[in-house]
Amino acid sequence: MKIHIFQIKVNDGRREADPEAVHELADSISKVGLLNPITVDQEYTLIAGLHRLEAAKLLGWAEVECMVSSLEGLQAELAEIDENFVRKGLSKIEYGELLLRRKEIYEALHPEAKNGGDRRSKDFRTKNFRSDSAKSFVQDTAEKLGVTPRTVELQVQAARNLTPEAKQIIRNAGKKLTNQTAIKISRLPPGQQEEAVSQLATGAIQSVDEYCPVPAEPEPAEKQAPEIPPEPPEAPEPPAATSVPEAGYYPTIKDSVADLKNPDKDRRQTPDSYLVTLSYFLQRFCQSMESYTGPEYDTVWPGLTQTYLDQIQQKIQSVHNALDEMYNQIERKVNNEGT
């Protein structure tokens, strides 16, 4: 049906039409006509076809062919977002924010797909998963955009985790910063994103891998913790032992270290020195692991899909296997020596 052009309402906040694309479309319509009607809802609010509407206005049309859809509310907005994806000129930030909004709407319309739609859903875990259940947001979006699910996951992760300041710099940089760069920036702690992306935009660094956080300035003197008085000097250490005690081990690590520092000591490995070095290695290893569970990663956890969790579990298991194998080797050699 034909509707008067000025009866068609366009929602506030909708991305403006590209003038160049409107002129090209108007030229095509003037030659071959309007091949695809504009889509509006029951109240004549535009759902899809902004460029076609603007082209019709440019041509001076009073009316334009429309298809009145029964879609309302979130379904209408979802259709509008899907149409925006096919338009050229979307920036990386606009594209990511559209994906985030599509995720919100899709999961509101399909709550059964909110937990992944398959392996992570409650129905799947209780073996009540039905083949006609809604696809997950990632699956549905990947099919509609013609990309891989992994691409959708990464772009949503970047859009969610980037700070407003980092987004603005990326937006201003245009094509200078790639999607991969935006994704890497989003994995940095929020306090480092703006600094890193600024250095990239100005050419101070060429990749995120080159970024080194600037050390934080010391707090003003009045805010610093009061100085702790120095501890009294320790008593001089006793002379280092030159041999392993009869018991086969040293009473303390300190005694063992003193023995290792002894310049006259036989430098061949002993059971005690072996235990010291191994304990030091394992202690450092455990301390390193703690750095991957700190609060700076709070924004990362929501973006971890089951695929990520499976990979993390595999890598941790490989560490378990390596430690077990090391112990088994030691045990075998001990037993062989004893036979």
Protein backbone atom coordinates (compact mmCIF):
# COMPACT_ATOMS: atom_id res chain seq x y z
CA MET A 1 0.00 0.00 0.00
CA LYS A 2 1.09 3.58 -0.57
CA ILE A 3 1.54 5.87 2.41
CA HIS A 4 2.14 9.60 2.40
CA ILE A 5 5.83 10.17 2.97
CA PHE A 6 5.35 12.63 5.80
CA GLN A 7 3.14 10.19 7.70
CA ILE A 8 6.12 7.89 8.13
CA LYS A 9 7.84 8.43 11.49
CA VAL A 10 11.53 7.76 12.11
CA ASN A 11 12.58 6.95 15.68
CA ASP A 12 14.93 9.34 17.44
CA GLY A 13 18.47 8.08 17.81
CA ARG A 14 18.41 6.12 14.58
CA ARG A 15 21.61 6.44 12.58
CA GLU A 16 21.32 9.05 9.85
CA ALA A 17 21.28 7.99 6.21
CA ASP A 18 24.46 8.27 4.16
CA PRO A 19 23.91 11.19 1.71
CA GLU A 20 26.07 9.59 -0.99
CA ALA A 21 24.15 6.31 -0.75
CA VAL A 22 20.83 8.20 -0.86
CA HIS A 23 21.81 9.97 -4.10
CA GLU A 24 22.93 6.71 -5.72
CA LEU A 25 19.70 5.01 -4.69
CA ALA A 26 17.57 7.94 -5.92
CA ASP A 27 19.26 7.71 -9.31
CA SER A 28 18.54 3.97 -9.47
CA ILE A 29 14.90 4.37 -8.37
CA SER A 30 14.32 7.08 -10.96
CA LYS A 31 15.38 4.59 -13.66
CA VAL A 32 13.92 1.27 -12.52
CA GLY A 33 11.44 2.25 -9.80
CA LEU A 34 11.25 1.17 -6.17
CA LEU A 35 11.84 -2.59 -6.25
CA ASN A 36 11.48 -3.26 -2.50
CA PRO A 37 8.79 -1.48 -0.44
CA ILE A 38 9.66 0.30 2.77
CA THR A 39 8.67 -1.55 5.95
CA VAL A 40 6.69 0.24 8.67
CA ASP A 41 4.74 -0.90 11.72
CA GLN A 42 1.04 -0.46 12.41
CA GLU A 43 1.61 3.15 13.45
CA TYR A 44 3.68 3.92 10.34
CA THR A 45 6.97 3.99 12.26
CA LEU A 46 9.84 3.03 10.00
CA ILE A 47 11.28 -0.44 10.57
CA ALA A 48 13.42 -0.88 7.45
CA GLY A 49 14.18 1.30 4.44
CA LEU A 50 15.57 4.64 5.67
CA HIS A 51 17.71 5.15 2.55
CA ARG A 52 14.76 4.29 0.30
CA LEU A 53 12.60 6.77 2.20
CA GLU A 54 15.19 9.54 1.90
CA ALA A 55 15.66 8.75 -1.80
CA ALA A 56 11.89 9.06 -2.35
CA LYS A 57 11.95 12.45 -0.60
CA LEU A 58 14.88 13.50 -2.79
CA LEU A 59 12.87 12.57 -5.88
CA GLY A 60 9.97 14.69 -4.64
CA TRP A 61 7.52 11.82 -4.17
CA ALA A 62 4.42 12.50 -2.10
CA GLU A 63 3.74 8.82 -1.43
CA VAL A 64 5.86 5.70 -1.27
CA GLU A 65 5.02 2.00 -1.45
CA CYS A 66 5.13 0.43 2.02
CA MET A 67 4.65 -2.93 3.65
CA VAL A 68 2.86 -2.63 6.98
CA SER A 69 4.37 -5.21 9.34
CA SER A 70 2.79 -6.77 12.39
CA LEU A 71 6.16 -6.54 14.16
CA GLU A 72 6.05 -4.36 17.24
CA GLY A 73 8.34 -3.26 20.04
CA LEU A 74 11.47 -5.36 20.38
CA GLN A 75 10.77 -7.41 17.26
CA ALA A 76 10.53 -4.24 15.19
CA GLU A 77 13.75 -2.90 16.69
CA LEU A 78 15.50 -6.21 15.99
CA ALA A 79 14.46 -6.01 12.33
CA GLU A 80 15.72 -2.43 12.19
CA ILE A 81 19.09 -3.42 13.64
CA ASP A 82 19.44 -6.29 11.15
CA GLU A 83 18.85 -3.86 8.32
CA ASN A 84 21.51 -1.50 9.67
CA PHE A 85 24.11 -4.26 9.52
CA VAL A 86 23.92 -4.39 5.72
CA ARG A 87 24.51 -0.68 5.35
CA LYS A 88 27.96 0.51 4.48
CA GLY A 89 29.84 3.06 6.50
CA LEU A 90 29.30 1.57 9.95
CA SER A 91 32.31 2.22 12.16
CA LYS A 92 33.82 -0.51 14.33
CA ILE A 93 32.27 1.04 17.44
CA GLU A 94 28.81 1.46 15.85
CA TYR A 95 28.93 -2.13 14.61
CA GLY A 96 29.86 -3.43 18.04
CA GLU A 97 27.17 -1.41 19.81
CA LEU A 98 24.57 -2.69 17.36
CA LEU A 99 25.69 -6.23 18.20
CA LEU A 100 25.33 -5.54 21.92
CA ARG A 101 21.82 -4.16 21.47
CA ARG A 102 20.89 -7.07 19.20
CA LYS A 103 22.08 -9.46 21.92
CA GLU A 104 19.89 -7.74 24.53
CA ILE A 105 16.82 -7.84 22.31
CA TYR A 106 17.37 -11.36 20.99
CA GLU A 107 17.81 -12.83 24.46
CA ALA A 108 14.79 -10.90 25.74
CA LEU A 109 12.69 -12.42 22.93
CA HIS A 110 14.30 -15.86 23.33
CA PRO A 111 15.14 -16.29 27.04
CA GLU A 112 15.70 -20.02 26.48
CA ALA A 113 18.76 -19.07 24.37
CA LYS A 114 20.26 -16.72 26.94
CA ASN A 115 22.66 -19.27 28.44
CA GLY A 116 24.12 -20.23 25.09
CA GLY A 117 21.15 -22.00 23.54
CA ASP A 118 22.88 -25.35 23.63
CA ARG A 119 25.66 -26.78 25.81
CA ARG A 120 25.45 -24.30 28.66
CA SER A 121 21.65 -24.17 28.92
CA LYS A 122 19.81 -25.83 31.79
CA ASP A 123 17.75 -27.94 29.35
CA PHE A 124 20.90 -29.34 27.79
CA ARG A 125 22.50 -30.16 31.13
CA THR A 126 19.34 -31.99 32.28
CA LYS A 127 19.09 -33.76 28.89
CA ASN A 128 15.78 -32.09 28.09
CA PHE A 129 17.24 -30.01 25.27
CA ARG A 130 14.92 -30.00 22.27
CA SER A 131 16.07 -29.71 18.70
CA ASP A 132 13.50 -26.98 18.03
CA SER A 133 14.84 -24.70 20.80
CA ALA A 134 15.91 -21.21 19.75
CA LYS A 135 19.43 -20.80 18.46
CA SER A 136 21.87 -18.93 20.65
CA PHE A 137 22.40 -15.25 19.89
CA VAL A 138 25.87 -16.02 18.52
CA GLN A 139 24.61 -18.75 16.17
CA ASP A 140 21.68 -16.69 14.88
CA THR A 141 23.77 -13.55 14.38
CA ALA A 142 26.64 -15.38 12.67
CA GLU A 143 24.23 -16.94 10.16
CA LYS A 144 22.53 -13.62 9.39
CA LEU A 145 25.80 -11.71 8.97
CA GLY A 146 27.62 -14.50 7.13
CA VAL A 147 30.51 -14.64 9.60
CA THR A 148 31.82 -17.23 12.05
CA PRO A 149 30.39 -17.48 15.58
CA ARG A 150 33.89 -16.73 16.90
CA THR A 151 33.86 -13.37 15.06
CA VAL A 152 30.57 -12.43 16.71
CA GLU A 153 31.87 -13.45 20.16
CA LEU A 154 35.02 -11.33 19.82
CA GLN A 155 33.19 -8.25 18.55
CA VAL A 156 30.62 -8.44 21.35
CA GLN A 157 33.43 -8.87 23.87
CA ALA A 158 35.19 -5.76 22.55
CA ALA A 159 32.01 -3.67 22.52
CA ARG A 160 31.19 -4.70 26.10
CA ASN A 161 34.65 -4.27 27.63
CA LEU A 162 35.92 -1.11 25.93
CA THR A 163 35.68 1.99 28.10
CA PRO A 164 33.77 5.04 26.75
CA GLU A 165 37.06 6.97 26.48
CA ALA A 166 38.73 4.19 24.46
CA LYS A 167 35.66 3.92 22.20
CA GLN A 168 35.77 7.64 21.44
CA ILE A 169 39.44 7.51 20.44
CA ILE A 170 38.83 4.47 18.22
CA ARG A 171 35.83 6.22 16.68
CA ASN A 172 37.91 9.34 15.89
CA ALA A 173 40.76 7.24 14.47
CA GLY A 174 38.47 5.77 11.79
CA LYS A 175 40.14 3.12 9.66
CA LYS A 176 43.54 3.72 11.26
CA LEU A 177 42.75 1.14 13.96
CA THR A 178 41.56 -2.33 12.93
CA ASN A 179 38.94 -4.58 14.49
CA GLN A 180 41.70 -6.85 15.81
CA THR A 181 43.32 -3.85 17.51
CA ALA A 182 40.02 -2.89 19.15
CA ILE A 183 39.59 -6.46 20.41
CA LYS A 184 43.11 -6.50 21.91
CA ILE A 185 42.55 -3.11 23.56
CA SER A 186 39.32 -4.41 25.14
CA ARG A 187 41.32 -7.12 26.93
CA LEU A 188 43.44 -4.56 28.79
CA PRO A 189 42.41 -3.37 32.27
CA PRO A 190 40.05 -0.35 31.99
CA GLY A 191 42.66 1.99 33.46
CA GLN A 192 45.12 1.20 30.64
CA GLN A 193 42.83 1.22 27.59
CA GLU A 194 42.74 4.97 26.96
CA GLU A 195 46.52 5.32 27.26
CA ALA A 196 47.21 2.35 24.97
CA VAL A 197 44.74 3.37 22.26
CA SER A 198 46.01 6.97 22.37
CA GLN A 199 49.56 5.75 21.72
CA LEU A 200 48.31 3.65 18.80
CA ALA A 201 46.28 6.50 17.30
CA THR A 202 49.25 8.89 17.44
CA GLY A 203 51.70 6.29 16.09
CA ALA A 204 53.78 6.19 19.27
CA ILE A 205 53.42 2.42 19.12
CA GLN A 206 52.50 0.21 16.17
CA SER A 207 50.69 -2.62 17.96
CA VAL A 208 49.05 -3.38 21.29
CA ASP A 209 51.90 -5.82 22.03
CA GLU A 210 54.29 -2.86 22.20
CA TYR A 211 52.27 -1.10 24.89
CA CYS A 212 53.93 -0.76 28.30
CA PRO A 213 51.83 0.81 31.08
CA VAL A 214 53.31 3.96 32.60
CA PRO A 215 54.13 3.30 36.27
CA ALA A 216 51.70 5.03 38.61
CA GLU A 217 53.01 8.17 40.26
CA PRO A 218 53.61 7.90 44.01
CA GLU A 219 50.84 9.26 46.19
CA PRO A 220 51.33 12.63 47.90
CA ALA A 221 53.26 12.44 51.14
CA GLU A 222 50.18 13.10 53.28
CA LYS A 223 48.38 10.13 51.74
CA GLN A 224 51.25 7.71 51.98
CA ALA A 225 51.25 5.12 54.71
CA PRO A 226 53.44 6.07 57.67
CA GLU A 227 56.91 4.73 57.47
CA ILE A 228 57.52 1.53 59.39
CA PRO A 229 60.52 1.82 61.65
CA PRO A 230 63.34 -0.45 60.54
CA GLU A 231 63.67 -3.75 62.29
CA PRO A 232 66.68 -4.21 64.51
CA PRO A 233 69.58 -5.87 62.76
CA GLU A 234 69.63 -9.62 62.93
CA ALA A 235 72.36 -11.45 64.74
CA PRO A 236 75.20 -12.57 62.49
CA GLU A 237 74.54 -15.83 60.76
CA PRO A 238 76.52 -18.81 62.04
CA PRO A 239 79.19 -20.19 59.75
CA ALA A 240 77.68 -22.14 56.89
CA ALA A 241 77.71 -25.88 57.15
CA THR A 242 80.03 -27.71 54.85
CA SER A 243 78.14 -30.95 54.72
CA VAL A 244 74.63 -32.31 55.03
CA PRO A 245 73.65 -33.15 58.64
CA GLU A 246 73.38 -36.78 59.60
CA ALA A 247 69.59 -36.56 59.59
CA GLY A 248 69.74 -36.02 55.82
CA TYR A 249 68.14 -32.57 55.79
CA TYR A 250 68.66 -29.09 57.24
CA PRO A 251 66.45 -27.89 60.12
CA THR A 252 65.47 -24.69 58.23
CA ILE A 253 65.56 -23.27 54.69
CA LYS A 254 67.87 -20.57 56.01
CA ASP A 255 70.44 -23.19 57.03
CA SER A 256 70.13 -24.81 53.63
CA VAL A 257 70.66 -21.50 51.81
CA ALA A 258 73.68 -20.75 53.98
CA ASP A 259 75.14 -24.07 52.97
CA LEU A 260 74.57 -23.29 49.30
CA LYS A 261 76.46 -19.99 49.69
CA ASN A 262 79.46 -21.71 51.24
CA PRO A 263 82.40 -21.15 48.79
CA ASP A 264 84.10 -24.34 49.98
CA LYS A 265 81.04 -26.51 49.41
CA ASP A 266 80.97 -29.35 46.95
CA ARG A 267 78.79 -27.90 44.18
CA ARG A 268 77.25 -31.17 43.18
CA GLN A 269 73.49 -31.27 43.82
CA THR A 270 72.27 -32.68 47.11
CA PRO A 271 68.75 -33.78 48.06
CA ASP A 272 68.44 -30.68 50.23
CA SER A 273 69.55 -28.21 47.55
CA TYR A 274 67.33 -29.93 45.02
CA LEU A 275 64.34 -29.47 47.34
CA VAL A 276 65.19 -25.78 47.83
CA THR A 277 65.39 -24.97 44.12
CA LEU A 278 62.29 -26.99 43.27
CA SER A 279 60.31 -25.36 46.10
CA TYR A 280 61.36 -21.92 44.89
CA PHE A 281 60.23 -22.72 41.35
CA LEU A 282 56.83 -24.03 42.49
CA GLN A 283 56.32 -21.04 44.77
CA ARG A 284 56.97 -18.60 41.91
CA PHE A 285 54.68 -20.62 39.67
CA CYS A 286 51.81 -20.41 42.19
CA GLN A 287 52.35 -16.66 42.61
CA SER A 288 52.18 -16.21 38.84
CA MET A 289 48.87 -18.06 38.69
CA GLU A 290 47.34 -15.68 41.23
CA SER A 291 47.90 -12.76 38.84
CA TYR A 292 45.31 -14.25 36.44
CA THR A 293 42.46 -14.22 38.97
CA GLY A 294 42.71 -10.64 40.23
CA PRO A 295 39.95 -8.00 40.17
CA GLU A 296 41.35 -6.45 36.99
CA TYR A 297 39.82 -9.40 35.12
CA ASP A 298 36.28 -8.87 36.49
CA THR A 299 35.20 -7.45 33.14
CA VAL A 300 36.61 -10.47 31.30
CA TRP A 301 34.66 -13.26 33.01
CA PRO A 302 31.23 -12.44 31.48
CA GLY A 303 32.73 -12.76 28.00
CA LEU A 304 34.09 -16.28 28.51
CA THR A 305 31.98 -18.79 26.59
CA GLN A 306 31.98 -22.53 27.15
CA THR A 307 34.54 -22.80 24.34
CA TYR A 308 36.91 -20.58 26.32
CA LEU A 309 36.28 -22.56 29.51
CA ASP A 310 37.01 -25.84 27.74
CA GLN A 311 40.31 -24.48 26.41
CA ILE A 312 41.30 -23.14 29.84
CA GLN A 313 40.49 -26.48 31.42
CA GLN A 314 42.61 -28.30 28.82
CA LYS A 315 45.61 -26.05 29.42
CA ILE A 316 45.35 -26.39 33.21
CA GLN A 317 45.04 -30.15 32.85
CA SER A 318 48.17 -30.21 30.72
CA VAL A 319 50.03 -28.49 33.58
CA HIS A 320 48.69 -31.11 36.02
CA ASN A 321 49.84 -33.85 33.67
CA ALA A 322 53.32 -32.34 33.35
CA LEU A 323 53.73 -32.08 37.14
CA ASP A 324 52.48 -35.62 37.62
CA GLU A 325 54.90 -36.90 34.99
CA MET A 326 57.79 -35.04 36.65
CA TYR A 327 56.96 -36.64 40.00
CA ASN A 328 56.61 -40.08 38.38
CA GLN A 329 60.05 -39.71 36.80
CA ILE A 330 61.57 -38.76 40.15
CA GLU A 331 59.83 -41.66 41.89
CA ARG A 332 61.00 -44.15 39.24
CA LYS A 333 64.60 -43.00 39.56
CA VAL A 334 64.44 -43.19 43.37
CA ASN A 335 63.06 -46.73 43.21
CA ASN A 336 65.64 -47.78 40.63
CA GLU A 337 68.45 -46.49 42.82
CA GLY A 338 67.08 -48.43 45.76
CA THR A 339 67.01 -51.77 43.92
